[in-house]
C-alpha cells in the first residue's frame, strides 16, 4: 500500500502568536513522528493553490483579504483566527496539498494521501475565515475532484471534535458531495444538529461531552458510515481532527489513540469497497502535542493498511 504525505515548511511560518493552541509546533510534532515511526511513507512538497481553484468555493473578498493584506503585524480576523505576514503562503500550501493529493490519488500515482498542513480548514466558510481556518482545504479539494476530474460522488467524513460548519455550509446544496460529521455538542462553533440535512447529503451526529471512543465508533458504525456506504463514493475525503482525544485541552470527548486507528480502518474499508481504496485525509484539529502525534501515527498506519 502506498501513502503519500503532502506537507511544506511554509506551513510552519503561519504565526498565530504566543499561547495560541493552533501553533507551528503541532505540525512539527506530526511530521517528526511520521518520519521517525513510519519510514515507508512517500513525502512530497505541497504546491500552492491558485486563486481560480480557491474561487470554486470561496468569495473573492475573502481570498483578497487573506492573500493581499500587506502588514508586518499579526492581525486578528476574529477572536481565534490570525493572519500573519507569512500566513497567505501557508494557506496556499494547505489548500494546494489537497489539490495535489486528489490529482495523485485519482491519477493512480498513489492510493491514499495525508495532508500534514496548517492552517486547518473545516471552519472556513465561503466568505469568512474563522475557527483557526483561513481557507477550507477539504472543500477546495472536493470542488477540484468534481470540476477537474468529473466525479459525481465525493464523500467527506469529519471526525474532528468541532463541527465542520464551513464545509457543510459550502457544500450542503451540492448533491454530488456527501458530508458526514461526528462532533461534541454543545461546543464551538454551534450548529451541526441532526436536523441539518442539506439536500439529503448532510449527516450530523452530535455527541455529549464525556462520550468515549466506544460511543464515537458506535455512531459511525451504526449511522454515519452506512450513509456513506449507501452513497457509494468515487472518492473519500477525511477531515482528520484529533481533538476528540481524551487529553485534548479544547474539548471533552474521550477517544484514545487506538480509537482513531479503528475508525480510520473502518473508513479505509469503505474506500476499498467503493473507490478502489482512493482516500485523501487532511489534518484538522488536535492541540495536545503527544496525543496529536500518537493519533496521527494510528491514523496513517491505518491508511497504510497496518490494522
Protein backbone atom coordinates (compact mmCIF):
# COMPACT_ATOMS: atom_id res chain seq x y z
CA UNK A 1 0.00 0.00 0.00
CA UNK A 2 1.33 3.42 -0.96
CA UNK A 3 0.55 6.50 1.13
CA UNK A 4 1.95 9.91 0.26
CA UNK A 5 2.24 12.71 2.81
CA UNK A 6 1.92 16.25 1.48
CA UNK A 7 3.43 18.96 3.63
CA UNK A 8 5.62 22.08 3.34
CA UNK A 9 7.87 24.11 5.58
CA UNK A 10 5.86 27.23 4.65
CA UNK A 11 3.04 25.86 6.81
CA UNK A 12 5.30 26.27 9.85
CA UNK A 13 5.64 30.01 9.20
CA UNK A 14 1.96 30.80 9.82
CA UNK A 15 2.45 32.69 13.10
CA UNK A 16 -0.56 32.62 15.41
CA UNK A 17 1.27 34.21 18.36
CA UNK A 18 2.40 33.10 21.79
CA UNK A 19 0.00 30.81 23.59
CA UNK A 20 -2.26 30.14 20.61
CA UNK A 21 -3.32 26.46 20.51
CA UNK A 22 -3.02 26.25 16.71
CA UNK A 23 0.75 26.68 16.75
CA UNK A 24 3.57 25.64 14.45
CA UNK A 25 4.71 23.05 17.00
CA UNK A 26 1.62 20.99 16.15
CA UNK A 27 2.77 20.37 12.62
CA UNK A 28 6.36 19.78 13.71
CA UNK A 29 5.17 17.12 16.18
CA UNK A 30 3.14 15.38 13.49
CA UNK A 31 5.77 15.37 10.74
CA UNK A 32 8.56 14.32 13.12
CA UNK A 33 6.53 11.39 14.42
CA UNK A 34 5.54 10.27 10.92
CA UNK A 35 9.12 10.39 9.62
CA UNK A 36 10.51 8.55 12.63
CA UNK A 37 7.85 5.88 13.06
CA UNK A 38 6.61 5.28 9.50
CA UNK A 39 9.71 5.48 7.28
CA UNK A 40 7.91 3.77 4.40
CA UNK A 41 5.82 6.88 3.70
CA UNK A 42 6.30 8.79 0.46
CA UNK A 43 6.77 12.53 1.05
CA UNK A 44 6.00 15.39 -1.32
CA UNK A 45 6.07 19.16 -1.06
CA UNK A 46 2.63 20.73 -1.17
CA UNK A 47 2.25 23.13 -4.11
CA UNK A 48 0.33 26.39 -3.87
CA UNK A 49 -3.32 26.51 -4.82
CA UNK A 50 -4.27 29.07 -7.44
CA UNK A 51 -6.83 31.82 -6.96
CA UNK A 52 -9.01 30.13 -9.57
CA UNK A 53 -9.00 26.90 -7.55
CA UNK A 54 -9.90 28.79 -4.37
CA UNK A 55 -12.69 30.65 -6.16
CA UNK A 56 -14.55 27.39 -6.71
CA UNK A 57 -15.62 27.55 -3.05
CA UNK A 58 -14.58 30.97 -1.67
CA UNK A 59 -15.75 34.51 -2.36
CA UNK A 60 -13.29 36.91 -3.93
CA UNK A 61 -13.35 39.24 -0.92
CA UNK A 62 -12.10 36.53 1.44
CA UNK A 63 -9.39 35.47 -0.99
CA UNK A 64 -8.23 39.08 -1.35
CA UNK A 65 -8.21 39.62 2.40
CA UNK A 66 -6.07 36.55 3.09
CA UNK A 67 -3.72 36.86 0.12
CA UNK A 68 -3.43 40.59 -0.45
CA UNK A 69 -3.26 42.02 3.06
CA UNK A 70 0.15 43.62 3.47
CA UNK A 71 1.16 44.12 7.09
CA UNK A 72 4.24 43.49 9.16
CA UNK A 73 1.97 42.97 12.15
CA UNK A 74 -0.18 39.99 13.11
CA UNK A 75 -3.86 40.71 12.51
CA UNK A 76 -6.89 39.10 14.16
CA UNK A 77 -9.64 38.16 11.71
CA UNK A 78 -11.75 37.10 14.68
CA UNK A 79 -11.05 36.24 18.31
CA UNK A 80 -9.36 32.96 17.32
CA UNK A 81 -8.17 33.38 13.74
CA UNK A 82 -4.87 35.06 12.93
CA UNK A 83 -3.33 36.49 9.78
CA UNK A 84 0.44 36.97 9.99
CA UNK A 85 2.84 38.16 7.27
CA UNK A 86 3.54 34.55 6.22
CA UNK A 87 0.01 33.19 6.60
CA UNK A 88 -1.01 33.66 2.96
CA UNK A 89 1.73 31.35 1.71
CA UNK A 90 0.91 28.75 4.35
CA UNK A 91 -2.78 28.88 3.44
CA UNK A 92 -1.99 28.45 -0.26
CA UNK A 93 0.17 25.41 0.53
CA UNK A 94 -2.51 23.91 2.80
CA UNK A 95 -5.15 24.19 0.08
CA UNK A 96 -2.72 23.15 -2.63
CA UNK A 97 -1.82 19.98 -0.76
CA UNK A 98 -5.35 18.68 -1.13
CA UNK A 99 -5.49 19.50 -4.82
CA UNK A 100 -2.20 17.71 -5.48
CA UNK A 101 -3.31 14.76 -3.38
CA UNK A 102 -6.59 14.43 -5.28
CA UNK A 103 -4.70 14.54 -8.58
CA UNK A 104 -2.24 11.88 -7.38
CA UNK A 105 -4.89 9.55 -5.99
CA UNK A 106 -7.26 9.84 -8.95
CA UNK A 107 -4.32 9.62 -11.35
CA UNK A 108 -3.19 6.34 -9.83
CA UNK A 109 0.18 7.61 -8.62
CA UNK A 110 -0.67 6.66 -5.03
CA UNK A 111 -3.68 5.05 -3.40
CA UNK A 112 -4.04 7.28 -0.35
CA UNK A 113 -2.63 10.56 0.88
CA UNK A 114 -2.38 12.52 4.13
CA UNK A 115 -2.11 16.30 4.03
CA UNK A 116 0.03 17.30 7.02
CA UNK A 117 -0.60 21.02 6.74
CA UNK A 118 -1.76 24.08 8.60
CA UNK A 119 -3.73 26.26 8.94
CA UNK A 120 -6.62 23.79 9.18
CA UNK A 121 -9.71 24.37 7.08
CA UNK A 122 -13.08 22.94 8.02
CA UNK A 123 -14.49 26.03 9.78
CA UNK A 124 -13.80 28.46 6.93
CA UNK A 125 -16.98 29.34 5.04
CA UNK A 126 -17.30 30.72 1.53
CA UNK A 127 -16.78 34.26 2.76
CA UNK A 128 -15.34 34.05 6.27
CA UNK A 129 -12.12 32.84 7.87
CA UNK A 130 -12.89 31.53 11.34
CA UNK A 131 -12.01 28.94 13.97
CA UNK A 132 -8.25 28.95 13.18
CA UNK A 133 -9.08 28.35 9.48
CA UNK A 134 -8.32 30.65 6.54
CA UNK A 135 -9.38 28.58 3.51
CA UNK A 136 -11.47 25.41 3.55
CA UNK A 137 -8.86 22.95 2.31
CA UNK A 138 -11.15 19.93 2.05
CA UNK A 139 -13.93 21.83 0.25
CA UNK A 140 -11.36 23.15 -2.24
CA UNK A 141 -10.22 19.57 -2.85
CA UNK A 142 -13.79 18.29 -3.26
CA UNK A 143 -14.58 21.02 -5.78
CA UNK A 144 -11.40 20.15 -7.68
CA UNK A 145 -12.42 16.48 -7.83
CA UNK A 146 -15.83 17.45 -9.22
CA UNK A 147 -14.70 20.05 -11.74
CA UNK A 148 -11.29 18.83 -12.86
CA UNK A 149 -11.89 15.08 -12.68
CA UNK A 150 -15.61 14.93 -13.38
CA UNK A 151 -16.54 12.87 -10.34
CA UNK A 152 -20.21 12.57 -9.44
CA UNK A 153 -19.96 11.25 -5.88
CA UNK A 154 -17.42 12.53 -3.34
CA UNK A 155 -17.86 11.76 0.36
CA UNK A 156 -16.37 13.89 3.15
CA UNK A 157 -16.16 12.35 6.62
CA UNK A 158 -15.21 14.61 9.53
CA UNK A 159 -14.35 13.26 12.99
CA UNK A 160 -12.86 16.45 14.41
CA UNK A 161 -14.39 17.23 17.81
CA UNK A 162 -15.75 20.52 16.42
CA UNK A 163 -18.44 20.55 13.76
CA UNK A 164 -17.12 21.31 10.29
CA UNK A 165 -19.56 24.15 9.81
CA UNK A 166 -17.68 25.71 6.92
CA UNK A 167 -17.52 22.51 4.91
CA UNK A 168 -21.20 21.90 5.47
CA UNK A 169 -22.19 25.46 4.58
CA UNK A 170 -20.17 25.42 1.36
CA UNK A 171 -21.43 22.03 0.17
CA UNK A 172 -24.87 21.45 1.70
CA UNK A 173 -26.62 22.30 -1.58
CA UNK A 174 -24.24 20.16 -3.68
CA UNK A 175 -25.81 16.70 -4.16
CA UNK A 176 -22.60 15.27 -5.60
CA UNK A 177 -20.91 15.63 -2.18
CA UNK A 178 -21.96 13.82 0.99
CA UNK A 179 -20.88 15.32 4.32
CA UNK A 180 -20.88 13.18 7.48
CA UNK A 181 -19.68 14.51 10.85
CA UNK A 182 -19.41 13.44 14.45
CA UNK A 183 -18.70 16.22 16.95
CA UNK A 184 -19.18 17.28 20.53
CA UNK A 185 -22.30 19.34 21.16
CA UNK A 186 -22.72 21.89 22.57
CA UNK A 187 -19.32 23.23 21.56
CA UNK A 188 -17.81 25.78 19.18
CA UNK A 189 -18.96 26.71 16.56
CA UNK A 190 -22.51 25.59 17.42
CA UNK A 191 -24.88 24.01 14.96
CA UNK A 192 -24.32 20.58 13.49
CA UNK A 193 -27.68 19.22 14.58
CA UNK A 194 -29.24 16.08 13.21
CA UNK A 195 -31.97 18.22 11.64
CA UNK A 196 -29.41 19.84 9.31
CA UNK A 197 -29.65 17.61 6.25
CA UNK A 198 -28.80 19.84 3.29
CA UNK A 199 -30.35 18.38 0.15
CA UNK A 200 -30.24 14.93 1.73
CA UNK A 201 -26.45 14.95 1.60
CA UNK A 202 -25.63 16.05 5.19
CA UNK A 203 -25.45 13.64 8.13
CA UNK A 204 -24.58 15.06 11.56
CA UNK A 205 -24.10 13.08 14.76
CA UNK A 206 -23.67 15.39 17.77
CA UNK A 207 -22.28 13.75 20.91
CA UNK A 208 -22.45 14.96 24.52
CA UNK A 209 -19.34 15.87 26.49
CA UNK A 210 -17.75 12.82 28.07
CA UNK A 211 -18.59 10.45 25.21
CA UNK A 212 -15.82 7.88 24.90
CA UNK A 213 -14.31 6.11 21.95
CA UNK A 214 -16.88 3.33 22.04
CA UNK A 215 -19.67 5.89 21.68
CA UNK A 216 -17.92 7.65 18.81
CA UNK A 217 -17.21 4.39 16.99
CA UNK A 218 -20.80 3.24 17.51
CA UNK A 219 -22.30 6.37 15.95
CA UNK A 220 -20.04 5.99 12.93
CA UNK A 221 -20.69 2.28 12.54
CA UNK A 222 -24.44 2.44 13.12
CA UNK A 223 -25.36 5.70 11.37
CA UNK A 224 -22.71 7.67 9.55
CA UNK A 225 -20.71 5.01 7.71
CA UNK A 226 -23.88 3.27 6.47
CA UNK A 227 -24.91 6.59 4.91
CA UNK A 228 -21.52 6.82 3.19
CA UNK A 229 -21.83 3.19 2.10
CA UNK A 230 -25.22 3.84 0.52
CA UNK A 231 -23.82 6.88 -1.31
CA UNK A 232 -21.11 4.68 -2.91
CA UNK A 233 -18.49 7.44 -3.28
CA UNK A 234 -15.92 7.51 -6.04
CA UNK A 235 -13.50 9.30 -3.67
CA UNK A 236 -13.33 9.63 0.11
CA UNK A 237 -12.01 12.77 1.78
CA UNK A 238 -11.36 12.90 5.53
CA UNK A 239 -11.27 15.87 7.90
CA UNK A 240 -8.97 14.21 10.41
CA UNK A 241 -9.11 16.19 13.62
CA UNK A 242 -7.65 14.56 16.70
CA UNK A 243 -9.07 16.93 19.31
CA UNK A 244 -11.65 14.33 20.36
CA UNK A 245 -8.75 12.67 22.22
CA UNK A 246 -9.27 12.44 25.96
CA UNK A 247 -6.12 14.51 26.60
CA UNK A 248 -7.04 17.41 24.32
CA UNK A 249 -7.45 20.72 26.18
CA UNK A 250 -10.08 22.30 23.93
CA UNK A 251 -12.91 19.79 24.22
CA UNK A 252 -14.34 17.00 26.35
CA UNK A 253 -14.74 13.82 24.33
CA UNK A 254 -12.71 10.82 25.46
CA UNK A 255 -11.36 8.94 22.47
CA UNK A 256 -7.97 7.28 22.83
CA UNK A 257 -5.25 6.77 20.28
CA UNK A 258 -6.40 3.29 19.28
CA UNK A 259 -9.92 4.55 18.59
CA UNK A 260 -8.62 6.82 15.82
CA UNK A 261 -6.90 3.85 14.23
CA UNK A 262 -10.05 1.74 14.46
CA UNK A 263 -12.25 4.44 12.94
CA UNK A 264 -9.76 5.07 10.15
CA UNK A 265 -9.65 1.35 9.37
CA UNK A 266 -13.45 1.38 9.01
CA UNK A 267 -13.23 4.36 6.64
CA UNK A 268 -10.49 2.66 4.62
CA UNK A 269 -12.68 -0.43 4.20
CA UNK A 270 -15.40 1.73 2.68
CA UNK A 271 -12.87 3.30 0.35
CA UNK A 272 -11.74 -0.14 -0.75
CA UNK A 273 -15.33 -1.22 -1.33
CA UNK A 274 -16.40 1.73 -3.45
CA UNK A 275 -13.46 3.68 -4.85
CA UNK A 276 -10.50 1.32 -5.25
CA UNK A 277 -9.16 2.49 -1.88
CA UNK A 278 -8.82 6.12 -3.01
CA UNK A 279 -8.76 8.42 0.00
CA UNK A 280 -7.26 11.79 0.90
CA UNK A 281 -7.02 12.86 4.55
CA UNK A 282 -6.48 16.39 5.90
CA UNK A 283 -5.06 17.34 9.27
CA UNK A 284 -7.57 19.48 11.14
CA UNK A 285 -7.54 19.90 14.95
CA UNK A 286 -5.61 18.32 17.83
CA UNK A 287 -3.90 20.51 20.41
CA UNK A 288 -2.09 18.26 22.90
CA UNK A 289 1.15 17.56 21.10
CA UNK A 290 1.84 14.00 22.24
CA UNK A 291 -1.76 12.91 21.80
CA UNK A 292 -1.81 14.56 18.37
CA UNK A 293 1.39 12.85 17.23
CA UNK A 294 0.32 9.45 18.54
CA UNK A 295 -3.14 9.75 16.99
CA UNK A 296 -1.68 10.71 13.62
CA UNK A 297 0.53 7.63 13.74
CA UNK A 298 -2.55 5.48 14.41
CA UNK A 299 -4.45 7.19 11.61
CA UNK A 300 -1.73 6.99 8.97
CA UNK A 301 -0.86 3.40 9.98
CA UNK A 302 -4.47 2.50 9.19
CA UNK A 303 -4.18 4.31 5.86
CA UNK A 304 -1.20 2.06 5.17
CA UNK A 305 -3.33 -0.97 5.99
CA UNK A 306 -1.41 -1.77 9.15
CA UNK A 307 -4.52 -2.68 11.16
